[in-house]
Amino acid sequence: MSPQRAIPRQQVLPIPPPPFPQNDPHVNHGAVFTRRWVVEFILDTVRFDPSEDLASKLLVEPACGDGAFLLPIAERVIESCRQHGRPLTEAADAVRAFDLQAQHVDRSRRLLSALFSESGLDDDAARGLAEAWVSHSDFLLLPHEEETADFVVGNPPYIRLEDVPAERMAAYKHTCTTMSGRADIYLGFFETGLRLLAKEGMLGFICADRWMRNAYGKHLRQLVIAGYSVEATVEMHDAEAFADAVAAYPAVTVIRRGTQASALVATTTSAFDGEAAAAVVHWARRHDEAGSTASLRGGTKVARLPGWFETDSSWPTGSPQRLTLLRELEDRLRPLESGSTRVGIGVATGADAVFVTDDPLVVEEDRLIPLAMTRDTTSGLLNWGGKYLVNPWAGPRQLVDLAEYPGLKRYLGRHEAALRRRHVAGRRPEQWYRTIDPVHPRLTPKRKLLFPDMKMFAHPVLDPGGHYPHHNLYYVVSEEWDLGVLGGLLMSKVAQFFIEAYAVRMRGGTLRFQAQYLRRIHVPEVESLSNEQRCVLRQAFADRDVESATQVALEAYGLERPPD
């Protein structure tokens, strides 16, 4: 290997925060150790194969822990050197492993040294090779040379950023731009590992898959879709992937630096083990054509998608068969929010006790807007409960002049101290009486479909006009759709399928019908629906008849049965 490809071994921190206390039992290092068969599965999936000249490659292991990855890696390097007639000492630059904890580094070096000695190296050479491979360093803060690694594999630590000492957290955020908000430290390992990959290099991690769907993973998703190919995602939530039982929602994720190609997706059960993993590898290597699906041993389901989901919004979840169908529908149909159709959220006031009232005389009449609340939609019809929004806005960008509304001025003045304490008022003191969201006056008279945020099933309700939605309601407006027809489509099990693929489920299976998920619903063209289909959908919506709506939706989407 040419010297310029070697990753620096010395510990060099661009910002020098103090390290974690090495032996403090109260400090969470996020160490969760990986079973041997999972390591072998990842190495097989990234094609770290002894038949290749591995001594001429570079593999990076960012958090080696107790050596769960390093020993199988070393065994493959040893076998590769044997097959290619190389002395093992020529593999000194083949692996770079890091760990922040000295005890992990010492243990990994001892295990490697013993293995190298068994392979024929004398003790000094074995120790030297082990020391060349394993560094006592913070992987995230080293000045790595990017685009140098052929492989990056491992099990990144699981630590919330708020659990990291403040100076080190600041250093991580400075170095890893994808880590923001209430992120987990593993995002930094993904980002740094991906940036290390050479062209066609492969990253394979066993890690929580929450970043694919949660808001804190958005920047990492942006990085991936900008220059990488999602090669495989294998959901292993119920599999015994680790030495200790942890609620980590793990998945094996493999990403390649290069143009997006077909993607392997798999879901597993608690029966997933080394033999089942080997079956997935075998199937994947024999089925590289998009559209292939299979059920393998132990309840494992696999499929090959034609590509990945090119969005920085949440990536979908579900069985391989459901993801295959989802990708096909998204390629063929248009998203709900297109043309004149728009999706939005109701108003957040930041002080409902002030801005929401049932007194029609509390301020001037034209400063009150009938407010649609979630509880007003329970029956499937909008039964307005008598709440009003006290509206301080003259337009979406301008507050009213309180001097022109003495009643509003007196009313808000009684609450001025509380309103000024809000964060939104602190940022704009001169707008102390604003609501968090501006109010758009043109929305009130529009016909719109209202969606309560948290429901087990899609529950669109028609507002014939005259109401403004509260912030727990999302809305759809459209000039091209008859909203009765669209409401029928959106209450069908086909529309529910899109929401289930993207939305985060709450305790008990409740779904979030938020704008970001409603926008992921795809719909047929309005003109493609026959008059009969429109009539049935309109009536099904009025009758809250999900089954009738679903039957017509299946016809409109070209499906034979509801998605499993």
Foldseek 3Di string as FASTA:
>chain_A
DDPVLFWDQDADFPFDDDADDQPDPVAAPQDFAFDLLVLVLLCLLQVVALCDQLLPFAEEEEACFLNSNPVVSLVSNLSSCVVVVHDSLSSLRNAAYEHQHPVSLVNQLVVQLVVVVVSPDPNVSSSVSSSSHYHNYNSLRGPTDFQNHQEYEYEHGWAWLVSDPPSVSVSNCVRAVLQDDRDTSVLSVLRSRVRRHHAFHKYKYWFAPVLLFDPSNLVVLVVCLVFKEWAEKEFDQQAPGTPDDDRTRIIITMMTGHDYAKHKYKYAHNQDDSVNSVVSSVVCVVDRDAPDWDQDPRRMIMGIHRGADNHSHHGFDDHNVLVNVLVVLPVVFAFQPDDQKDKFFFFAFQCCVQFKDLDCPQWDNVQWAQEQEPVLCVVLERNRPRIIGRAQPPAQVHGDDVVVTVSSCVSVVVVQVVLCPGPVCVVPVVPSNGGPGHDHVVQQAAWKWKFAFKALATRTYIDNGRYTYHRRIMIMGGDPDPVLLVLLLCRELQVVSQQNGRFDADPPRITTPDRSSSRSRGFHDPVLQDPVLSVQSSVCSVVVPRVSSHVSNCVRSVHDDRDD
